[in-house]
PDB file of N, CA and C in Angstrom:
ATOM      1  N   MET A   1      10.345   8.340  -5.846  1.00  0.00           N
ATOM      2  CA  MET A   1       9.198   8.584  -6.707  1.00  0.00           C
ATOM      3  C   MET A   1       8.564   7.252  -7.086  1.00  0.00           C
ATOM      4  N   ILE A   2       7.272   7.205  -7.032  1.00  0.00           N
ATOM      5  CA  ILE A   2       6.524   5.997  -7.366  1.00  0.00           C
ATOM      6  C   ILE A   2       6.297   5.948  -8.877  1.00  0.00           C
ATOM      7  N   THR A   3       6.595   4.806  -9.453  1.00  0.00           N
ATOM      8  CA  THR A   3       6.279   4.561 -10.858  1.00  0.00           C
ATOM      9  C   THR A   3       5.126   3.571 -10.910  1.00  0.00           C
ATOM     10  N   GLU A   4       4.517   3.429 -12.073  1.00  0.00           N
ATOM     11  CA  GLU A   4       3.409   2.491 -12.203  1.00  0.00           C
ATOM     12  C   GLU A   4       3.865   1.067 -11.882  1.00  0.00           C
ATOM     13  N   GLU A   5       5.033   0.711 -12.397  1.00  0.00           N
ATOM     14  CA  GLU A   5       5.569  -0.623 -12.145  1.00  0.00           C
ATOM     15  C   GLU A   5       5.786  -0.844 -10.648  1.00  0.00           C
ATOM     16  N   ARG A   6       6.364   0.137  -9.988  1.00  0.00           N
ATOM     17  CA  ARG A   6       6.632   0.042  -8.548  1.00  0.00           C
ATOM     18  C   ARG A   6       5.324  -0.009  -7.759  1.00  0.00           C
ATOM     19  N   ALA A   7       4.339   0.753  -8.177  1.00  0.00           N
ATOM     20  CA  ALA A   7       3.050   0.781  -7.487  1.00  0.00           C
ATOM     21  C   ALA A   7       2.388  -0.600  -7.524  1.00  0.00           C
ATOM     22  N   PHE A   8       2.386  -1.221  -8.696  1.00  0.00           N
ATOM     23  CA  PHE A   8       1.803  -2.562  -8.797  1.00  0.00           C
ATOM     24  C   PHE A   8       2.620  -3.563  -7.988  1.00  0.00           C
ATOM     25  N   SER A   9       3.920  -3.389  -7.961  1.00  0.00           N
ATOM     26  CA  SER A   9       4.792  -4.278  -7.197  1.00  0.00           C
ATOM     27  C   SER A   9       4.508  -4.166  -5.697  1.00  0.00           C
ATOM     28  N   ILE A  10       4.339  -2.965  -5.206  1.00  0.00           N
ATOM     29  CA  ILE A  10       4.048  -2.744  -3.785  1.00  0.00           C
ATOM     30  C   ILE A  10       2.740  -3.424  -3.402  1.00  0.00           C
ATOM     31  N   LEU A  11       1.758  -3.342  -4.278  1.00  0.00           N
ATOM     32  CA  LEU A  11       0.468  -3.977  -4.012  1.00  0.00           C
ATOM     33  C   LEU A  11       0.462  -5.470  -4.340  1.00  0.00           C
ATOM     34  N   GLU A  12       1.551  -5.935  -4.923  1.00  0.00           N
ATOM     35  CA  GLU A  12       1.679  -7.339  -5.336  1.00  0.00           C
ATOM     36  C   GLU A  12       0.547  -7.731  -6.298  1.00  0.00           C
ATOM     37  N   LEU A  13       0.308  -6.851  -7.268  1.00  0.00           N
ATOM     38  CA  LEU A  13      -0.696  -7.076  -8.305  1.00  0.00           C
ATOM     39  C   LEU A  13      -0.032  -6.960  -9.671  1.00  0.00           C
ATOM     40  N   ASP A  14      -0.674  -7.549 -10.681  1.00  0.00           N
ATOM     41  CA  ASP A  14      -0.156  -7.356 -12.028  1.00  0.00           C
ATOM     42  C   ASP A  14      -0.916  -6.205 -12.688  1.00  0.00           C
ATOM     43  N   ARG A  15      -0.423  -5.793 -13.823  1.00  0.00           N
ATOM     44  CA  ARG A  15      -0.978  -4.613 -14.502  1.00  0.00           C
ATOM     45  C   ARG A  15      -2.411  -4.795 -14.999  1.00  0.00           C
ATOM     46  N   SER A  16      -2.884  -6.023 -15.023  1.00  0.00           N
ATOM     47  CA  SER A  16      -4.251  -6.262 -15.483  1.00  0.00           C
ATOM     48  C   SER A  16      -5.276  -6.084 -14.361  1.00  0.00           C
ATOM     49  N   ALA A  17      -4.837  -5.692 -13.181  1.00  0.00           N
ATOM     50  CA  ALA A  17      -5.743  -5.518 -12.045  1.00  0.00           C
ATOM     51  C   ALA A  17      -6.746  -4.403 -12.333  1.00  0.00           C
ATOM     52  N   THR A  18      -7.967  -4.647 -11.928  1.00  0.00           N
ATOM     53  CA  THR A  18      -9.030  -3.653 -12.116  1.00  0.00           C
ATOM     54  C   THR A  18      -8.937  -2.604 -11.006  1.00  0.00           C
ATOM     55  N   PRO A  19      -9.569  -1.460 -11.221  1.00  0.00           N
ATOM     56  CA  PRO A  19      -9.576  -0.442 -10.152  1.00  0.00           C
ATOM     57  C   PRO A  19     -10.122  -0.993  -8.826  1.00  0.00           C
ATOM     58  N   ASP A  20     -11.165  -1.819  -8.896  1.00  0.00           N
ATOM     59  CA  ASP A  20     -11.717  -2.407  -7.672  1.00  0.00           C
ATOM     60  C   ASP A  20     -10.704  -3.311  -6.985  1.00  0.00           C
ATOM     61  N   GLN A  21      -9.970  -4.099  -7.747  1.00  0.00           N
ATOM     62  CA  GLN A  21      -8.952  -4.980  -7.176  1.00  0.00           C
ATOM     63  C   GLN A  21      -7.833  -4.161  -6.519  1.00  0.00           C
ATOM     64  N   ILE A  22      -7.474  -3.062  -7.140  1.00  0.00           N
ATOM     65  CA  ILE A  22      -6.431  -2.193  -6.588  1.00  0.00           C
ATOM     66  C   ILE A  22      -6.881  -1.617  -5.249  1.00  0.00           C
ATOM     67  N   ILE A  23      -8.099  -1.121  -5.196  1.00  0.00           N
ATOM     68  CA  ILE A  23      -8.615  -0.525  -3.962  1.00  0.00           C
ATOM     69  C   ILE A  23      -8.733  -1.569  -2.859  1.00  0.00           C
ATOM     70  N   ILE A  24      -9.234  -2.740  -3.199  1.00  0.00           N
ATOM     71  CA  ILE A  24      -9.379  -3.818  -2.214  1.00  0.00           C
ATOM     72  C   ILE A  24      -8.011  -4.225  -1.671  1.00  0.00           C
ATOM     73  N   ARG A  25      -7.043  -4.393  -2.559  1.00  0.00           N
ATOM     74  CA  ARG A  25      -5.697  -4.796  -2.130  1.00  0.00           C
ATOM     75  C   ARG A  25      -5.061  -3.713  -1.261  1.00  0.00           C
ATOM     76  N   TYR A  26      -5.225  -2.461  -1.662  1.00  0.00           N
ATOM     77  CA  TYR A  26      -4.703  -1.339  -0.869  1.00  0.00           C
ATOM     78  C   TYR A  26      -5.282  -1.393   0.545  1.00  0.00           C
ATOM     79  N   GLN A  27      -6.595  -1.528   0.645  1.00  0.00           N
ATOM     80  CA  GLN A  27      -7.237  -1.525   1.961  1.00  0.00           C
ATOM     81  C   GLN A  27      -6.833  -2.738   2.792  1.00  0.00           C
ATOM     82  N   ASP A  28      -6.732  -3.910   2.159  1.00  0.00           N
ATOM     83  CA  ASP A  28      -6.297  -5.115   2.873  1.00  0.00           C
ATOM     84  C   ASP A  28      -4.901  -4.937   3.457  1.00  0.00           C
ATOM     85  N   LEU A  29      -3.969  -4.457   2.644  1.00  0.00           N
ATOM     86  CA  LEU A  29      -2.607  -4.255   3.126  1.00  0.00           C
ATOM     87  C   LEU A  29      -2.561  -3.183   4.208  1.00  0.00           C
ATOM     88  N   LYS A  30      -3.300  -2.119   4.016  1.00  0.00           N
ATOM     89  CA  LYS A  30      -3.338  -1.032   5.001  1.00  0.00           C
ATOM     90  C   LYS A  30      -3.813  -1.572   6.353  1.00  0.00           C
ATOM     91  N   ASP A  31      -4.875  -2.389   6.329  1.00  0.00           N
ATOM     92  CA  ASP A  31      -5.399  -2.972   7.567  1.00  0.00           C
ATOM     93  C   ASP A  31      -4.398  -3.930   8.205  1.00  0.00           C
ATOM     94  N   GLN A  32      -3.754  -4.757   7.388  1.00  0.00           N
ATOM     95  CA  GLN A  32      -2.753  -5.697   7.902  1.00  0.00           C
ATOM     96  C   GLN A  32      -1.594  -4.950   8.561  1.00  0.00           C
ATOM     97  N   TYR A  33      -1.094  -3.942   7.897  1.00  0.00           N
ATOM     98  CA  TYR A  33       0.039  -3.187   8.417  1.00  0.00           C
ATOM     99  C   TYR A  33      -0.337  -2.462   9.707  1.00  0.00           C
ATOM    100  N   LYS A  34      -1.535  -1.919   9.744  1.00  0.00           N
ATOM    101  CA  LYS A  34      -1.993  -1.221  10.950  1.00  0.00           C
ATOM    102  C   LYS A  34      -2.080  -2.196  12.125  1.00  0.00           C
ATOM    103  N   LYS A  35      -2.629  -3.371  11.877  1.00  0.00           N
ATOM    104  CA  LYS A  35      -2.773  -4.384  12.931  1.00  0.00           C
ATOM    105  C   LYS A  35      -1.401  -4.807  13.469  1.00  0.00           C
ATOM    106  N   ILE A  36      -0.478  -5.078  12.568  1.00  0.00           N
ATOM    107  CA  ILE A  36       0.873  -5.479  12.981  1.00  0.00           C
ATOM    108  C   ILE A  36       1.522  -4.360  13.795  1.00  0.00           C
ATOM    109  N   LYS A  37       1.397  -3.146  13.295  1.00  0.00           N
ATOM    110  CA  LYS A  37       2.005  -1.995  13.980  1.00  0.00           C
ATOM    111  C   LYS A  37       1.444  -1.827  15.391  1.00  0.00           C
ATOM    112  N   GLU A  38       0.144  -2.013  15.536  1.00  0.00           N
ATOM    113  CA  GLU A  38      -0.493  -1.837  16.835  1.00  0.00           C
ATOM    114  C   GLU A  38      -0.184  -2.981  17.807  1.00  0.00           C
ATOM    115  N   GLU A  39       0.004  -4.191  17.279  1.00  0.00           N
ATOM    116  CA  GLU A  39       0.190  -5.356  18.142  1.00  0.00           C
ATOM    117  C   GLU A  39       1.624  -5.563  18.611  1.00  0.00           C
ATOM    118  N   THR A  40       2.563  -4.978  17.927  1.00  0.00           N
ATOM    119  CA  THR A  40       3.964  -5.192  18.294  1.00  0.00           C
ATOM    120  C   THR A  40       4.414  -4.195  19.358  1.00  0.00           C
ATOM    121  N   GLN A  41       5.333  -4.647  20.163  1.00  0.00           N
ATOM    122  CA  GLN A  41       5.928  -3.775  21.174  1.00  0.00           C
ATOM    123  C   GLN A  41       7.281  -3.235  20.700  1.00  0.00           C
ATOM    124  N   ASP A  42       7.781  -3.811  19.618  1.00  0.00           N
ATOM    125  CA  ASP A  42       9.096  -3.444  19.100  1.00  0.00           C
ATOM    126  C   ASP A  42       9.007  -2.144  18.301  1.00  0.00           C
ATOM    127  N   LEU A  43       9.734  -1.148  18.745  1.00  0.00           N
ATOM    128  CA  LEU A  43       9.691   0.170  18.103  1.00  0.00           C
ATOM    129  C   LEU A  43      10.156   0.121  16.652  1.00  0.00           C
ATOM    130  N   LYS A  44      11.195  -0.678  16.381  1.00  0.00           N
ATOM    131  CA  LYS A  44      11.684  -0.794  14.997  1.00  0.00           C
ATOM    132  C   LYS A  44      10.597  -1.348  14.074  1.00  0.00           C
ATOM    133  N   THR A  45       9.883  -2.353  14.540  1.00  0.00           N
ATOM    134  CA  THR A  45       8.808  -2.939  13.745  1.00  0.00           C
ATOM    135  C   THR A  45       7.676  -1.940  13.554  1.00  0.00           C
ATOM    136  N   GLN A  46       7.344  -1.217  14.602  1.00  0.00           N
ATOM    137  CA  GLN A  46       6.305  -0.188  14.490  1.00  0.00           C
ATOM    138  C   GLN A  46       6.668   0.851  13.437  1.00  0.00           C
ATOM    139  N   LEU A  47       7.907   1.290  13.463  1.00  0.00           N
ATOM    140  CA  LEU A  47       8.353   2.293  12.489  1.00  0.00           C
ATOM    141  C   LEU A  47       8.388   1.728  11.071  1.00  0.00           C
ATOM    142  N   ALA A  48       8.807   0.474  10.941  1.00  0.00           N
ATOM    143  CA  ALA A  48       8.849  -0.159   9.619  1.00  0.00           C
ATOM    144  C   ALA A  48       7.452  -0.226   9.009  1.00  0.00           C
ATOM    145  N   TYR A  49       6.473  -0.593   9.820  1.00  0.00           N
ATOM    146  CA  TYR A  49       5.110  -0.684   9.297  1.00  0.00           C
ATOM    147  C   TYR A  49       4.473   0.684   9.112  1.00  0.00           C
ATOM    148  N   GLN A  50       4.913   1.659   9.862  1.00  0.00           N
ATOM    149  CA  GLN A  50       4.480   3.043   9.621  1.00  0.00           C
ATOM    150  C   GLN A  50       4.958   3.480   8.227  1.00  0.00           C
ATOM    151  N   LEU A  51       6.197   3.149   7.902  1.00  0.00           N
ATOM    152  CA  LEU A  51       6.729   3.483   6.577  1.00  0.00           C
ATOM    153  C   LEU A  51       5.995   2.732   5.473  1.00  0.00           C
ATOM    154  N   LYS A  52       5.640   1.483   5.730  1.00  0.00           N
ATOM    155  CA  LYS A  52       4.880   0.712   4.746  1.00  0.00           C
ATOM    156  C   LYS A  52       3.506   1.349   4.506  1.00  0.00           C
ATOM    157  N   GLN A  53       2.890   1.843   5.576  1.00  0.00           N
ATOM    158  CA  GLN A  53       1.599   2.517   5.427  1.00  0.00           C
ATOM    159  C   GLN A  53       1.738   3.791   4.596  1.00  0.00           C
ATOM    160  N   ILE A  54       2.796   4.527   4.821  1.00  0.00           N
ATOM    161  CA  ILE A  54       3.049   5.743   4.046  1.00  0.00           C
ATOM    162  C   ILE A  54       3.268   5.389   2.576  1.00  0.00           C
ATOM    163  N   GLU A  55       4.023   4.326   2.335  1.00  0.00           N
ATOM    164  CA  GLU A  55       4.265   3.872   0.966  1.00  0.00           C
ATOM    165  C   GLU A  55       2.954   3.483   0.286  1.00  0.00           C
ATOM    166  N   LEU A  56       2.079   2.809   1.008  1.00  0.00           N
ATOM    167  CA  LEU A  56       0.772   2.450   0.454  1.00  0.00           C
ATOM    168  C   LEU A  56      -0.039   3.696   0.108  1.00  0.00           C
ATOM    169  N   ASP A  57       0.010   4.684   0.979  1.00  0.00           N
ATOM    170  CA  ASP A  57      -0.699   5.934   0.694  1.00  0.00           C
ATOM    171  C   ASP A  57      -0.134   6.609  -0.551  1.00  0.00           C
ATOM    172  N   ASP A  58       1.169   6.553  -0.724  1.00  0.00           N
ATOM    173  CA  ASP A  58       1.800   7.106  -1.925  1.00  0.00           C
ATOM    174  C   ASP A  58       1.306   6.384  -3.182  1.00  0.00           C
ATOM    175  N   VAL A  59       1.160   5.073  -3.083  1.00  0.00           N
ATOM    176  CA  VAL A  59       0.650   4.283  -4.211  1.00  0.00           C
ATOM    177  C   VAL A  59      -0.781   4.703  -4.521  1.00  0.00           C
ATOM    178  N   PHE A  60      -1.592   4.846  -3.495  1.00  0.00           N
ATOM    179  CA  PHE A  60      -2.985   5.246  -3.692  1.00  0.00           C
ATOM    180  C   PHE A  60      -3.057   6.616  -4.372  1.00  0.00           C
ATOM    181  N   ILE A  61      -2.253   7.541  -3.887  1.00  0.00           N
ATOM    182  CA  ILE A  61      -2.213   8.882  -4.487  1.00  0.00           C
ATOM    183  C   ILE A  61      -1.753   8.807  -5.941  1.00  0.00           C
ATOM    184  N   PHE A  62      -0.747   7.972  -6.216  1.00  0.00           N
ATOM    185  CA  PHE A  62      -0.265   7.811  -7.587  1.00  0.00           C
ATOM    186  C   PHE A  62      -1.407   7.349  -8.502  1.00  0.00           C
ATOM    187  N   PHE A  63      -2.126   6.312  -8.082  1.00  0.00           N
ATOM    188  CA  PHE A  63      -3.211   5.786  -8.910  1.00  0.00           C
ATOM    189  C   PHE A  63      -4.339   6.796  -9.077  1.00  0.00           C
ATOM    190  N   ARG A  64      -4.645   7.552  -8.033  1.00  0.00           N
ATOM    191  CA  ARG A  64      -5.680   8.584  -8.146  1.00  0.00           C
ATOM    192  C   ARG A  64      -5.237   9.692  -9.111  1.00  0.00           C
ATOM    193  N   LYS A  65      -3.992  10.098  -8.973  1.00  0.00           N
ATOM    194  CA  LYS A  65      -3.465  11.164  -9.820  1.00  0.00           C
ATOM    195  C   LYS A  65      -3.469  10.768 -11.299  1.00  0.00           C
ATOM    196  N   HIS A  66      -3.188   9.509 -11.560  1.00  0.00           N
ATOM    197  CA  HIS A  66      -3.147   9.023 -12.941  1.00  0.00           C
ATOM    198  C   HIS A  66      -4.476   8.413 -13.375  1.00  0.00           C
ATOM    199  N   GLN A  67      -5.513   8.649 -12.594  1.00  0.00           N
ATOM    200  CA  GLN A  67      -6.880   8.248 -12.894  1.00  0.00           C
ATOM    201  C   GLN A  67      -7.027   6.761 -13.186  1.00  0.00           C
ATOM    202  N   VAL A  68      -6.265   5.962 -12.457  1.00  0.00           N
ATOM    203  CA  VAL A  68      -6.397   4.510 -12.564  1.00  0.00           C
ATOM    204  C   VAL A  68      -7.535   4.045 -11.685  1.00  0.00           C
ATOM    205  N   ILE A  69      -7.705   4.736 -10.539  1.00  0.00           N
ATOM    206  CA  ILE A  69      -8.814   4.416  -9.646  1.00  0.00           C
ATOM    207  C   ILE A  69      -9.664   5.649  -9.421  1.00  0.00           C
TER     208      ILE A  69
END
């Protein structure tokens, strides 16, 4: 389960982050993870970054649900 503290930690932001900063950071990380996943030939790395993308989506859903963004 995602908590607010964990969500900010995943995004590597502090609690004073604005909704715009949260969205920008989410999208930046999502793009980075997608690029790494697509460029690697290693299945373990692909799966690890797939999980990171899912975790990011969970964070986004958490913030939307709690009306932070």
